[in-house]
Each structure stands twice: as C-alpha cells, then as structure tokens.
Amino acid sequence: PGFSIDIPGLEETEERLSTDAVADAALGAAVDGGADDAEGLEALQMALGTARIAGLSDACTTKWEDVLRKKEDGLAEAAVGGMLAKALADRGLRELTEALARYRRTGGDLPASSYPGLDGDSVRKGLAAFYASLFVPSELGLEAIRSLQARAGARTAVEEGMAAAYRDI
C-alpha cells in the first residue's frame, strides 16, 4: 500500500495478454487455416466454450459465435448438392434428370420421348421408383449438421431440389 509506479506500456501488454486477444488470434488462425468440416467446426465451438469459461467477454463471444454459425451454414450449403444427388439417386430420378439435361443441351429438336433415357419406358420406371420411394424414409446425411437451423435449411433445400426435378420431368 502506498507504493505504485507507472509502468510504461502496461495497457498494451494487458491487451495483448487478454483472453479476448488470445481467442481472436487462436480462433482466427483456426478459421482461416481450414476448419472446413463438421469435426473441425465442433472443435472450434468447444474451444470457444472453454474460452468463455476462462473469461472471454460477451462481445468477443458473440462475434465468434456469429463467425462459427456462418461457417456452419456454409458447410450445410456445400453439403446440399451431395445430399440432393443422393436423394435423386435413391428416389429413382437421377437418371431421368441427367437424361433431361443432356436432351436440353442438344437443343431439343426432336421430341423428348425419342431421346435415350426419356423414352416412355424409362420415364415410367423412373417415376414408379420415385412414387414407391415416397413411402420409405431416406437417409440424407443431415446428422453431420449440428445446428438445427442449418439442418432444417439443408432439408428444405434438398426437398425443393427434389420438387424441381420432379416438376422438370
């Protein structure tokens, strides 16, 4: 008591050693360095939780929660294409949508029913498989998406893609 001295640069040193600064450096490097899968993202979320327990400020926590949420949404969006392809294949529509795309690239001078893969028998078989599959649950691989909002968005995107494929056919 009664003894104090001014230490030059103390505020700067405290800032560099603060939990917020350390979390910004570590999480920033990890996000920029390629935490591009669900496991990497989960590890970052756990690290953020640990930093919060260690005294991370609310502002810094909110900032990194937003960054990680956007990262997870991006992963979910990237996964939708693969999920849609799998759902189309499982439901019997992939061959028909691929044949329709090839037909459209040719310019469509001939009737679609004369194009390979779009003949009456192929369409009948594909649609019969599709209708039969409506009563069987399909595994889309949504379990890897942890966020309920991102999972619901991915499910909706796949369902909309399936509806669009059916509408095209």
N, C-alpha and C. Protein backbone atom coordinates (compact mmCIF):
# COMPACT_ATOMS: atom_id res chain seq x y z
N PRO A 1 0.84 -1.19 0.00
CA PRO A 1 0.00 0.00 0.00
C PRO A 1 0.87 1.24 0.00
N GLY A 2 0.47 2.18 -0.83
CA GLY A 2 1.19 3.43 -0.90
C GLY A 2 2.33 3.41 -1.89
N PHE A 3 2.68 2.23 -2.38
CA PHE A 3 3.76 2.13 -3.36
C PHE A 3 3.17 1.83 -4.73
N SER A 4 3.41 2.66 -5.63
CA SER A 4 2.97 2.39 -7.00
C SER A 4 3.89 3.12 -7.94
N ILE A 5 4.06 2.53 -9.06
CA ILE A 5 4.85 3.19 -10.09
C ILE A 5 4.12 3.02 -11.41
N ASP A 6 4.35 3.92 -12.27
CA ASP A 6 3.77 3.82 -13.60
C ASP A 6 4.70 2.97 -14.46
N ILE A 7 4.13 1.93 -15.01
CA ILE A 7 4.91 1.08 -15.89
C ILE A 7 4.52 1.43 -17.32
N PRO A 8 5.47 1.88 -18.11
CA PRO A 8 5.13 2.25 -19.48
C PRO A 8 4.71 1.01 -20.29
N GLY A 9 3.65 1.20 -21.07
CA GLY A 9 3.19 0.13 -21.94
C GLY A 9 2.37 -0.94 -21.25
N LEU A 10 1.93 -0.71 -20.01
CA LEU A 10 1.19 -1.72 -19.27
C LEU A 10 -0.16 -2.03 -19.94
N GLU A 11 -0.86 -1.01 -20.39
CA GLU A 11 -2.16 -1.23 -21.04
C GLU A 11 -2.00 -2.07 -22.31
N GLU A 12 -0.97 -1.76 -23.08
CA GLU A 12 -0.72 -2.51 -24.32
C GLU A 12 -0.42 -3.98 -24.01
N THR A 13 0.35 -4.23 -22.96
CA THR A 13 0.69 -5.59 -22.57
C THR A 13 -0.55 -6.32 -22.07
N GLU A 14 -1.37 -5.65 -21.28
CA GLU A 14 -2.60 -6.26 -20.79
C GLU A 14 -3.53 -6.62 -21.94
N GLU A 15 -3.60 -5.74 -22.93
CA GLU A 15 -4.45 -6.00 -24.10
C GLU A 15 -3.95 -7.23 -24.85
N ARG A 16 -2.64 -7.35 -25.06
CA ARG A 16 -2.08 -8.49 -25.78
C ARG A 16 -2.27 -9.79 -25.03
N LEU A 17 -2.32 -9.73 -23.72
CA LEU A 17 -2.47 -10.94 -22.92
C LEU A 17 -3.91 -11.22 -22.52
N SER A 18 -4.83 -10.40 -22.95
CA SER A 18 -6.22 -10.59 -22.56
C SER A 18 -6.80 -11.84 -23.22
N THR A 19 -7.81 -12.39 -22.60
CA THR A 19 -8.48 -13.57 -23.12
C THR A 19 -9.07 -13.28 -24.50
N ASP A 20 -9.61 -12.08 -24.68
CA ASP A 20 -10.18 -11.72 -25.98
C ASP A 20 -9.12 -11.74 -27.08
N ALA A 21 -7.96 -11.17 -26.79
CA ALA A 21 -6.90 -11.11 -27.80
C ALA A 21 -6.39 -12.51 -28.13
N VAL A 22 -6.22 -13.34 -27.12
CA VAL A 22 -5.75 -14.71 -27.35
C VAL A 22 -6.79 -15.49 -28.15
N ALA A 23 -8.07 -15.35 -27.79
CA ALA A 23 -9.14 -16.05 -28.51
C ALA A 23 -9.22 -15.56 -29.95
N ASP A 24 -9.11 -14.25 -30.15
CA ASP A 24 -9.14 -13.72 -31.52
C ASP A 24 -8.01 -14.31 -32.36
N ALA A 25 -6.84 -14.38 -31.77
CA ALA A 25 -5.69 -14.91 -32.51
C ALA A 25 -5.86 -16.40 -32.81
N ALA A 26 -6.24 -17.16 -31.80
CA ALA A 26 -6.34 -18.62 -31.96
C ALA A 26 -7.50 -19.01 -32.86
N LEU A 27 -8.68 -18.47 -32.59
CA LEU A 27 -9.84 -18.81 -33.40
C LEU A 27 -9.71 -18.28 -34.82
N GLY A 28 -9.16 -17.09 -34.94
CA GLY A 28 -8.95 -16.52 -36.28
C GLY A 28 -8.03 -17.37 -37.12
N ALA A 29 -6.94 -17.84 -36.52
CA ALA A 29 -6.00 -18.69 -37.25
C ALA A 29 -6.65 -20.02 -37.62
N ALA A 30 -7.43 -20.58 -36.72
CA ALA A 30 -8.08 -21.87 -36.99
C ALA A 30 -9.14 -21.74 -38.08
N VAL A 31 -9.92 -20.68 -38.02
CA VAL A 31 -10.96 -20.47 -39.04
C VAL A 31 -10.32 -20.22 -40.40
N ASP A 32 -9.29 -19.39 -40.43
CA ASP A 32 -8.61 -19.09 -41.69
C ASP A 32 -7.79 -20.27 -42.18
N GLY A 33 -7.34 -21.10 -41.25
CA GLY A 33 -6.45 -22.20 -41.59
C GLY A 33 -7.15 -23.44 -42.10
N GLY A 34 -8.45 -23.43 -42.16
CA GLY A 34 -9.13 -24.54 -42.81
C GLY A 34 -9.93 -25.47 -41.94
N ALA A 35 -10.61 -24.99 -40.94
CA ALA A 35 -11.55 -25.84 -40.21
C ALA A 35 -12.79 -25.98 -41.11
N ASP A 36 -12.65 -26.85 -42.12
CA ASP A 36 -13.66 -26.91 -43.17
C ASP A 36 -14.56 -28.13 -43.09
N ASP A 37 -14.61 -28.79 -41.95
CA ASP A 37 -15.51 -29.92 -41.83
C ASP A 37 -16.23 -29.83 -40.49
N ALA A 38 -17.20 -30.72 -40.31
CA ALA A 38 -18.03 -30.67 -39.10
C ALA A 38 -17.20 -30.92 -37.84
N GLU A 39 -16.21 -31.82 -37.93
CA GLU A 39 -15.39 -32.11 -36.75
C GLU A 39 -14.53 -30.90 -36.37
N GLY A 40 -13.94 -30.24 -37.37
CA GLY A 40 -13.14 -29.05 -37.10
C GLY A 40 -13.98 -27.94 -36.51
N LEU A 41 -15.17 -27.78 -37.03
CA LEU A 41 -16.08 -26.76 -36.52
C LEU A 41 -16.50 -27.07 -35.09
N GLU A 42 -16.74 -28.33 -34.81
CA GLU A 42 -17.11 -28.72 -33.45
C GLU A 42 -15.96 -28.44 -32.48
N ALA A 43 -14.74 -28.70 -32.91
CA ALA A 43 -13.58 -28.41 -32.06
C ALA A 43 -13.47 -26.91 -31.78
N LEU A 44 -13.74 -26.09 -32.79
CA LEU A 44 -13.71 -24.64 -32.59
C LEU A 44 -14.81 -24.19 -31.62
N GLN A 45 -15.98 -24.79 -31.73
CA GLN A 45 -17.06 -24.44 -30.81
C GLN A 45 -16.73 -24.83 -29.38
N MET A 46 -16.05 -25.96 -29.22
CA MET A 46 -15.61 -26.36 -27.88
C MET A 46 -14.55 -25.41 -27.36
N ALA A 47 -13.63 -24.98 -28.23
CA ALA A 47 -12.59 -24.02 -27.82
C ALA A 47 -13.23 -22.71 -27.41
N LEU A 48 -14.25 -22.28 -28.13
CA LEU A 48 -14.96 -21.05 -27.78
C LEU A 48 -15.63 -21.19 -26.42
N GLY A 49 -16.22 -22.34 -26.16
CA GLY A 49 -16.84 -22.58 -24.85
C GLY A 49 -15.82 -22.53 -23.72
N THR A 50 -14.65 -23.11 -23.97
CA THR A 50 -13.58 -23.08 -22.96
C THR A 50 -13.10 -21.65 -22.73
N ALA A 51 -12.94 -20.90 -23.82
CA ALA A 51 -12.51 -19.50 -23.68
C ALA A 51 -13.55 -18.69 -22.92
N ARG A 52 -14.83 -18.98 -23.15
CA ARG A 52 -15.89 -18.27 -22.43
C ARG A 52 -15.77 -18.53 -20.93
N ILE A 53 -15.50 -19.79 -20.55
CA ILE A 53 -15.32 -20.13 -19.14
C ILE A 53 -14.11 -19.41 -18.56
N ALA A 54 -13.07 -19.23 -19.39
CA ALA A 54 -11.84 -18.58 -18.94
C ALA A 54 -11.96 -17.07 -18.85
N GLY A 55 -13.11 -16.52 -19.25
CA GLY A 55 -13.31 -15.09 -19.09
C GLY A 55 -13.43 -14.30 -20.37
N LEU A 56 -13.72 -14.94 -21.46
CA LEU A 56 -13.92 -14.24 -22.73
C LEU A 56 -15.10 -13.28 -22.59
N SER A 57 -14.94 -12.08 -23.11
CA SER A 57 -16.00 -11.09 -22.98
C SER A 57 -17.23 -11.49 -23.81
N ASP A 58 -18.38 -10.96 -23.42
CA ASP A 58 -19.62 -11.24 -24.15
C ASP A 58 -19.54 -10.77 -25.60
N ALA A 59 -18.93 -9.61 -25.83
CA ALA A 59 -18.82 -9.08 -27.19
C ALA A 59 -17.97 -10.00 -28.06
N CYS A 60 -16.87 -10.47 -27.53
CA CYS A 60 -15.99 -11.36 -28.29
C CYS A 60 -16.67 -12.72 -28.51
N THR A 61 -17.36 -13.22 -27.49
CA THR A 61 -18.08 -14.48 -27.62
C THR A 61 -19.13 -14.38 -28.71
N THR A 62 -19.91 -13.32 -28.70
CA THR A 62 -20.96 -13.13 -29.71
C THR A 62 -20.36 -13.04 -31.11
N LYS A 63 -19.26 -12.32 -31.23
CA LYS A 63 -18.60 -12.19 -32.53
C LYS A 63 -18.19 -13.55 -33.08
N TRP A 64 -17.56 -14.38 -32.24
CA TRP A 64 -17.08 -15.69 -32.71
C TRP A 64 -18.23 -16.68 -32.89
N GLU A 65 -19.28 -16.56 -32.09
CA GLU A 65 -20.45 -17.40 -32.32
C GLU A 65 -21.05 -17.11 -33.69
N ASP A 66 -21.11 -15.84 -34.06
CA ASP A 66 -21.62 -15.47 -35.38
C ASP A 66 -20.73 -16.02 -36.50
N VAL A 67 -19.41 -15.90 -36.31
CA VAL A 67 -18.47 -16.41 -37.33
C VAL A 67 -18.66 -17.92 -37.50
N LEU A 68 -18.73 -18.64 -36.39
CA LEU A 68 -18.86 -20.10 -36.45
C LEU A 68 -20.22 -20.51 -36.99
N ARG A 69 -21.26 -19.76 -36.68
CA ARG A 69 -22.59 -20.06 -37.22
C ARG A 69 -22.59 -19.90 -38.74
N LYS A 70 -21.96 -18.82 -39.23
CA LYS A 70 -21.87 -18.62 -40.68
C LYS A 70 -21.06 -19.72 -41.34
N LYS A 71 -20.00 -20.16 -40.67
CA LYS A 71 -19.17 -21.25 -41.19
C LYS A 71 -19.99 -22.53 -41.28
N GLU A 72 -20.79 -22.79 -40.26
CA GLU A 72 -21.63 -23.99 -40.26
C GLU A 72 -22.70 -23.90 -41.35
N ASP A 73 -23.27 -22.72 -41.52
CA ASP A 73 -24.26 -22.54 -42.60
C ASP A 73 -23.61 -22.80 -43.96
N GLY A 74 -22.38 -22.34 -44.13
CA GLY A 74 -21.65 -22.58 -45.38
C GLY A 74 -21.40 -24.06 -45.61
N LEU A 75 -21.03 -24.79 -44.55
CA LEU A 75 -20.83 -26.23 -44.67
C LEU A 75 -22.13 -26.93 -45.06
N ALA A 76 -23.23 -26.48 -44.46
CA ALA A 76 -24.53 -27.08 -44.78
C ALA A 76 -24.91 -26.82 -46.23
N GLU A 77 -24.68 -25.60 -46.69
CA GLU A 77 -24.98 -25.28 -48.09
C GLU A 77 -24.14 -26.12 -49.05
N ALA A 78 -22.88 -26.30 -48.71
CA ALA A 78 -21.99 -27.10 -49.56
C ALA A 78 -22.43 -28.56 -49.59
N ALA A 79 -22.97 -29.04 -48.50
CA ALA A 79 -23.39 -30.44 -48.42
C ALA A 79 -24.69 -30.70 -49.16
N VAL A 80 -25.49 -29.67 -49.40
CA VAL A 80 -26.80 -29.84 -50.02
C VAL A 80 -26.68 -30.48 -51.41
N GLY A 81 -25.69 -30.07 -52.20
CA GLY A 81 -25.54 -30.64 -53.54
C GLY A 81 -25.35 -32.15 -53.51
N GLY A 82 -24.49 -32.61 -52.62
CA GLY A 82 -24.27 -34.05 -52.49
C GLY A 82 -25.50 -34.77 -51.96
N MET A 83 -26.18 -34.14 -51.02
CA MET A 83 -27.39 -34.74 -50.47
C MET A 83 -28.48 -34.84 -51.54
N LEU A 84 -28.59 -33.79 -52.35
CA LEU A 84 -29.60 -33.80 -53.41
C LEU A 84 -29.29 -34.89 -54.43
N ALA A 85 -28.04 -35.02 -54.82
CA ALA A 85 -27.66 -36.07 -55.77
C ALA A 85 -27.98 -37.46 -55.22
N LYS A 86 -27.70 -37.65 -53.93
CA LYS A 86 -28.01 -38.94 -53.30
C LYS A 86 -29.51 -39.17 -53.24
N ALA A 87 -30.26 -38.13 -52.88
CA ALA A 87 -31.71 -38.27 -52.80
C ALA A 87 -32.31 -38.56 -54.17
N LEU A 88 -31.82 -37.89 -55.22
CA LEU A 88 -32.31 -38.15 -56.57
C LEU A 88 -32.02 -39.60 -56.97
N ALA A 89 -30.83 -40.08 -56.64
CA ALA A 89 -30.47 -41.46 -56.96
C ALA A 89 -31.32 -42.45 -56.17
N ASP A 90 -31.48 -42.18 -54.87
CA ASP A 90 -32.29 -43.08 -54.02
C ASP A 90 -33.74 -43.12 -54.46
N ARG A 91 -34.22 -42.01 -54.98
CA ARG A 91 -35.63 -41.89 -55.36
C ARG A 91 -35.90 -42.22 -56.82
N GLY A 92 -34.88 -42.60 -57.57
CA GLY A 92 -35.08 -43.02 -58.95
C GLY A 92 -35.17 -41.90 -59.96
N LEU A 93 -34.83 -40.69 -59.58
CA LEU A 93 -34.96 -39.56 -60.51
C LEU A 93 -33.64 -39.11 -61.13
N ARG A 94 -32.52 -39.59 -60.62
CA ARG A 94 -31.23 -39.10 -61.12
C ARG A 94 -31.05 -39.37 -62.60
N GLU A 95 -31.33 -40.59 -63.04
CA GLU A 95 -31.15 -40.93 -64.45
C GLU A 95 -32.04 -40.06 -65.34
N LEU A 96 -33.27 -39.83 -64.88
CA LEU A 96 -34.19 -39.01 -65.67
C LEU A 96 -33.73 -37.56 -65.74
N THR A 97 -33.27 -37.01 -64.62
CA THR A 97 -32.83 -35.60 -64.64
C THR A 97 -31.56 -35.45 -65.48
N GLU A 98 -30.67 -36.44 -65.41
CA GLU A 98 -29.46 -36.37 -66.23
C GLU A 98 -29.80 -36.49 -67.72
N ALA A 99 -30.71 -37.39 -68.07
CA ALA A 99 -31.13 -37.54 -69.47
C ALA A 99 -31.81 -36.26 -69.96
N LEU A 100 -32.62 -35.65 -69.11
CA LEU A 100 -33.29 -34.41 -69.48
C LEU A 100 -32.28 -33.29 -69.70
N ALA A 101 -31.28 -33.21 -68.85
CA ALA A 101 -30.24 -32.19 -69.01
C ALA A 101 -29.48 -32.40 -70.32
N ARG A 102 -29.14 -33.66 -70.63
CA ARG A 102 -28.45 -33.94 -71.91
C ARG A 102 -29.35 -33.58 -73.09
N TYR A 103 -30.62 -33.90 -73.00
CA TYR A 103 -31.57 -33.58 -74.06
C TYR A 103 -31.63 -32.06 -74.29
N ARG A 104 -31.69 -31.30 -73.22
CA ARG A 104 -31.77 -29.84 -73.34
C ARG A 104 -30.49 -29.27 -73.95
N ARG A 105 -29.34 -29.87 -73.67
CA ARG A 105 -28.09 -29.40 -74.25
C ARG A 105 -28.04 -29.64 -75.76
N THR A 106 -28.77 -30.63 -76.25
CA THR A 106 -28.78 -30.90 -77.70
C THR A 106 -29.62 -29.90 -78.46
N GLY A 107 -30.39 -29.12 -77.79
CA GLY A 107 -31.23 -28.12 -78.45
C GLY A 107 -32.69 -28.52 -78.52
N GLY A 108 -32.98 -29.79 -78.29
CA GLY A 108 -34.37 -30.24 -78.23
C GLY A 108 -35.10 -30.21 -79.56
N ASP A 109 -34.40 -30.51 -80.68
CA ASP A 109 -35.06 -30.51 -81.99
C ASP A 109 -36.06 -31.66 -82.12
N LEU A 110 -35.77 -32.78 -81.50
CA LEU A 110 -36.64 -33.94 -81.56
C LEU A 110 -37.52 -33.98 -80.31
N PRO A 111 -38.61 -34.72 -80.36
CA PRO A 111 -39.43 -34.87 -79.15
C PRO A 111 -38.60 -35.53 -78.04
N ALA A 112 -38.83 -35.12 -76.82
CA ALA A 112 -38.07 -35.66 -75.69
C ALA A 112 -38.24 -37.17 -75.59
N SER A 113 -39.39 -37.69 -75.94
CA SER A 113 -39.64 -39.13 -75.81
C SER A 113 -38.78 -39.95 -76.76
N SER A 114 -38.17 -39.32 -77.76
CA SER A 114 -37.30 -40.05 -78.68
C SER A 114 -35.85 -40.03 -78.22
N TYR A 115 -35.56 -39.32 -77.16
CA TYR A 115 -34.19 -39.21 -76.66
C TYR A 115 -33.90 -40.36 -75.70
N PRO A 116 -32.70 -40.97 -75.76
CA PRO A 116 -32.35 -42.07 -74.85
C PRO A 116 -32.47 -41.64 -73.39
N GLY A 117 -33.15 -42.45 -72.63
CA GLY A 117 -33.34 -42.17 -71.21
C GLY A 117 -34.62 -41.41 -70.93
N LEU A 118 -35.26 -40.88 -71.97
CA LEU A 118 -36.52 -40.16 -71.79
C LEU A 118 -37.68 -40.84 -72.51
N ASP A 119 -37.41 -42.04 -73.02
CA ASP A 119 -38.47 -42.79 -73.68
C ASP A 119 -39.52 -43.16 -72.64
N GLY A 120 -40.68 -43.54 -73.10
CA GLY A 120 -41.81 -43.83 -72.22
C GLY A 120 -41.49 -44.86 -71.15
N ASP A 121 -40.78 -45.92 -71.54
CA ASP A 121 -40.47 -46.98 -70.59
C ASP A 121 -39.53 -46.47 -69.48
N SER A 122 -38.51 -45.70 -69.86
CA SER A 122 -37.57 -45.16 -68.86
C SER A 122 -38.27 -44.20 -67.91
N VAL A 123 -39.11 -43.33 -68.46
CA VAL A 123 -39.84 -42.37 -67.62
C VAL A 123 -40.79 -43.11 -66.69
N ARG A 124 -41.49 -44.10 -67.21
CA ARG A 124 -42.43 -44.88 -66.41
C ARG A 124 -41.70 -45.57 -65.25
N LYS A 125 -40.56 -46.21 -65.54
CA LYS A 125 -39.80 -46.90 -64.50
C LYS A 125 -39.25 -45.91 -63.46
N GLY A 126 -38.72 -44.80 -63.92
CA GLY A 126 -38.17 -43.80 -63.00
C GLY A 126 -39.23 -43.21 -62.09
N LEU A 127 -40.38 -42.88 -62.66
CA LEU A 127 -41.46 -42.30 -61.85
C LEU A 127 -42.07 -43.35 -60.91
N ALA A 128 -42.15 -44.60 -61.37
CA ALA A 128 -42.66 -45.65 -60.49
C ALA A 128 -41.73 -45.82 -59.29
N ALA A 129 -40.42 -45.79 -59.53
CA ALA A 129 -39.45 -45.88 -58.42
C ALA A 129 -39.60 -44.67 -57.50
N PHE A 130 -39.82 -43.49 -58.08
CA PHE A 130 -39.99 -42.29 -57.28
C PHE A 130 -41.23 -42.39 -56.39
N TYR A 131 -42.36 -42.77 -56.98
CA TYR A 131 -43.60 -42.87 -56.21
C TYR A 131 -43.46 -43.92 -55.10
N ALA A 132 -42.82 -45.05 -55.40
CA ALA A 132 -42.64 -46.10 -54.39
C ALA A 132 -41.74 -45.60 -53.26
N SER A 133 -40.76 -44.78 -53.60
CA SER A 133 -39.80 -44.32 -52.59
C SER A 133 -40.40 -43.28 -51.63
N LEU A 134 -41.52 -42.72 -51.99
CA LEU A 134 -42.13 -41.70 -51.13
C LEU A 134 -42.58 -42.27 -49.79
N PHE A 135 -42.74 -43.57 -49.73
CA PHE A 135 -43.22 -44.21 -48.51
C PHE A 135 -42.09 -44.82 -47.68
N VAL A 136 -40.85 -44.59 -48.12
CA VAL A 136 -39.68 -45.13 -47.43
C VAL A 136 -38.80 -43.95 -47.01
N PRO A 137 -38.45 -43.85 -45.73
CA PRO A 137 -37.58 -42.76 -45.30
C PRO A 137 -36.21 -42.85 -46.00
N SER A 138 -35.66 -41.71 -46.31
CA SER A 138 -34.37 -41.66 -46.98
C SER A 138 -33.33 -41.06 -46.04
N GLU A 139 -32.15 -41.63 -46.03
CA GLU A 139 -31.04 -41.10 -45.25
C GLU A 139 -30.33 -40.05 -46.08
N LEU A 140 -30.35 -38.81 -45.63
CA LEU A 140 -29.72 -37.73 -46.37
C LEU A 140 -28.35 -37.37 -45.83
N GLY A 141 -28.01 -37.85 -44.65
CA GLY A 141 -26.73 -37.49 -44.06
C GLY A 141 -26.78 -36.16 -43.33
N LEU A 142 -27.94 -35.78 -42.87
CA LEU A 142 -28.11 -34.50 -42.18
C LEU A 142 -27.54 -34.51 -40.76
N GLU A 143 -27.24 -35.68 -40.25
CA GLU A 143 -26.76 -35.77 -38.87
C GLU A 143 -25.46 -35.01 -38.65
N ALA A 144 -24.68 -34.87 -39.71
CA ALA A 144 -23.39 -34.17 -39.59
C ALA A 144 -23.56 -32.67 -39.34
N ILE A 145 -24.75 -32.16 -39.63
CA ILE A 145 -25.01 -30.72 -39.44
C ILE A 145 -25.58 -30.55 -38.04
N ARG A 146 -24.82 -29.91 -37.16
CA ARG A 146 -25.20 -29.80 -35.76
C ARG A 146 -26.29 -28.77 -35.52
N SER A 147 -26.21 -27.65 -36.20
CA SER A 147 -27.18 -26.58 -35.99
C SER A 147 -28.55 -27.01 -36.51
N LEU A 148 -29.55 -26.90 -35.65
CA LEU A 148 -30.90 -27.29 -36.06
C LEU A 148 -31.41 -26.41 -37.19
N GLN A 149 -31.06 -25.12 -37.17
CA GLN A 149 -31.48 -24.22 -38.23
C GLN A 149 -30.82 -24.59 -39.55
N ALA A 150 -29.52 -24.86 -39.52
CA ALA A 150 -28.81 -25.23 -40.74
C ALA A 150 -29.31 -26.57 -41.26
N ARG A 151 -29.59 -27.50 -40.35
CA ARG A 151 -30.12 -28.81 -40.76
C ARG A 151 -31.49 -28.66 -41.42
N ALA A 152 -32.34 -27.85 -40.83
CA ALA A 152 -33.66 -27.62 -41.41
C ALA A 152 -33.53 -26.93 -42.78
N GLY A 153 -32.61 -25.99 -42.89
CA GLY A 153 -32.39 -25.32 -44.17
C GLY A 153 -31.90 -26.28 -45.23
N ALA A 154 -30.99 -27.19 -44.85
CA ALA A 154 -30.48 -28.19 -45.79
C ALA A 154 -31.58 -29.14 -46.22
N ARG A 155 -32.40 -29.57 -45.27
CA ARG A 155 -33.52 -30.47 -45.60
C ARG A 155 -34.47 -29.78 -46.57
N THR A 156 -34.77 -28.52 -46.31
CA THR A 156 -35.67 -27.77 -47.19
C THR A 156 -35.07 -27.62 -48.59
N ALA A 157 -33.78 -27.34 -48.66
CA ALA A 157 -33.13 -27.18 -49.97
C ALA A 157 -33.16 -28.48 -50.76
N VAL A 158 -32.93 -29.61 -50.10
CA VAL A 158 -32.98 -30.91 -50.78
C VAL A 158 -34.41 -31.18 -51.25
N GLU A 159 -35.38 -30.91 -50.39
CA GLU A 159 -36.78 -31.14 -50.77
C GLU A 159 -37.19 -30.25 -51.94
N GLU A 160 -36.75 -29.00 -51.93
CA GLU A 160 -37.05 -28.10 -53.04
C GLU A 160 -36.37 -28.58 -54.33
N GLY A 161 -35.14 -29.08 -54.22
CA GLY A 161 -34.45 -29.64 -55.38
C GLY A 161 -35.17 -30.86 -55.93
N MET A 162 -35.66 -31.71 -55.05
CA MET A 162 -36.42 -32.88 -55.50
C MET A 162 -37.71 -32.44 -56.19
N ALA A 163 -38.38 -31.46 -55.63
CA ALA A 163 -39.62 -30.98 -56.25
C ALA A 163 -39.35 -30.36 -57.61
N ALA A 164 -38.25 -29.62 -57.73
CA ALA A 164 -37.89 -29.01 -59.00
C ALA A 164 -37.55 -30.08 -60.04
N ALA A 165 -36.84 -31.14 -59.63
CA ALA A 165 -36.51 -32.23 -60.55
C ALA A 165 -37.78 -32.93 -61.03
N TYR A 166 -38.68 -33.18 -60.09
CA TYR A 166 -39.95 -33.83 -60.47
C TYR A 166 -40.76 -32.94 -61.42
N ARG A 167 -40.78 -31.65 -61.12
CA ARG A 167 -41.51 -30.70 -61.97
C ARG A 167 -40.92 -30.66 -63.39
N ASP A 168 -39.59 -30.69 -63.47
CA ASP A 168 -38.93 -30.68 -64.79
C ASP A 168 -39.29 -31.91 -65.61
N ILE A 169 -39.33 -33.04 -64.92
CA ILE A 169 -39.62 -34.30 -65.63
C ILE A 169 -41.07 -34.31 -66.05
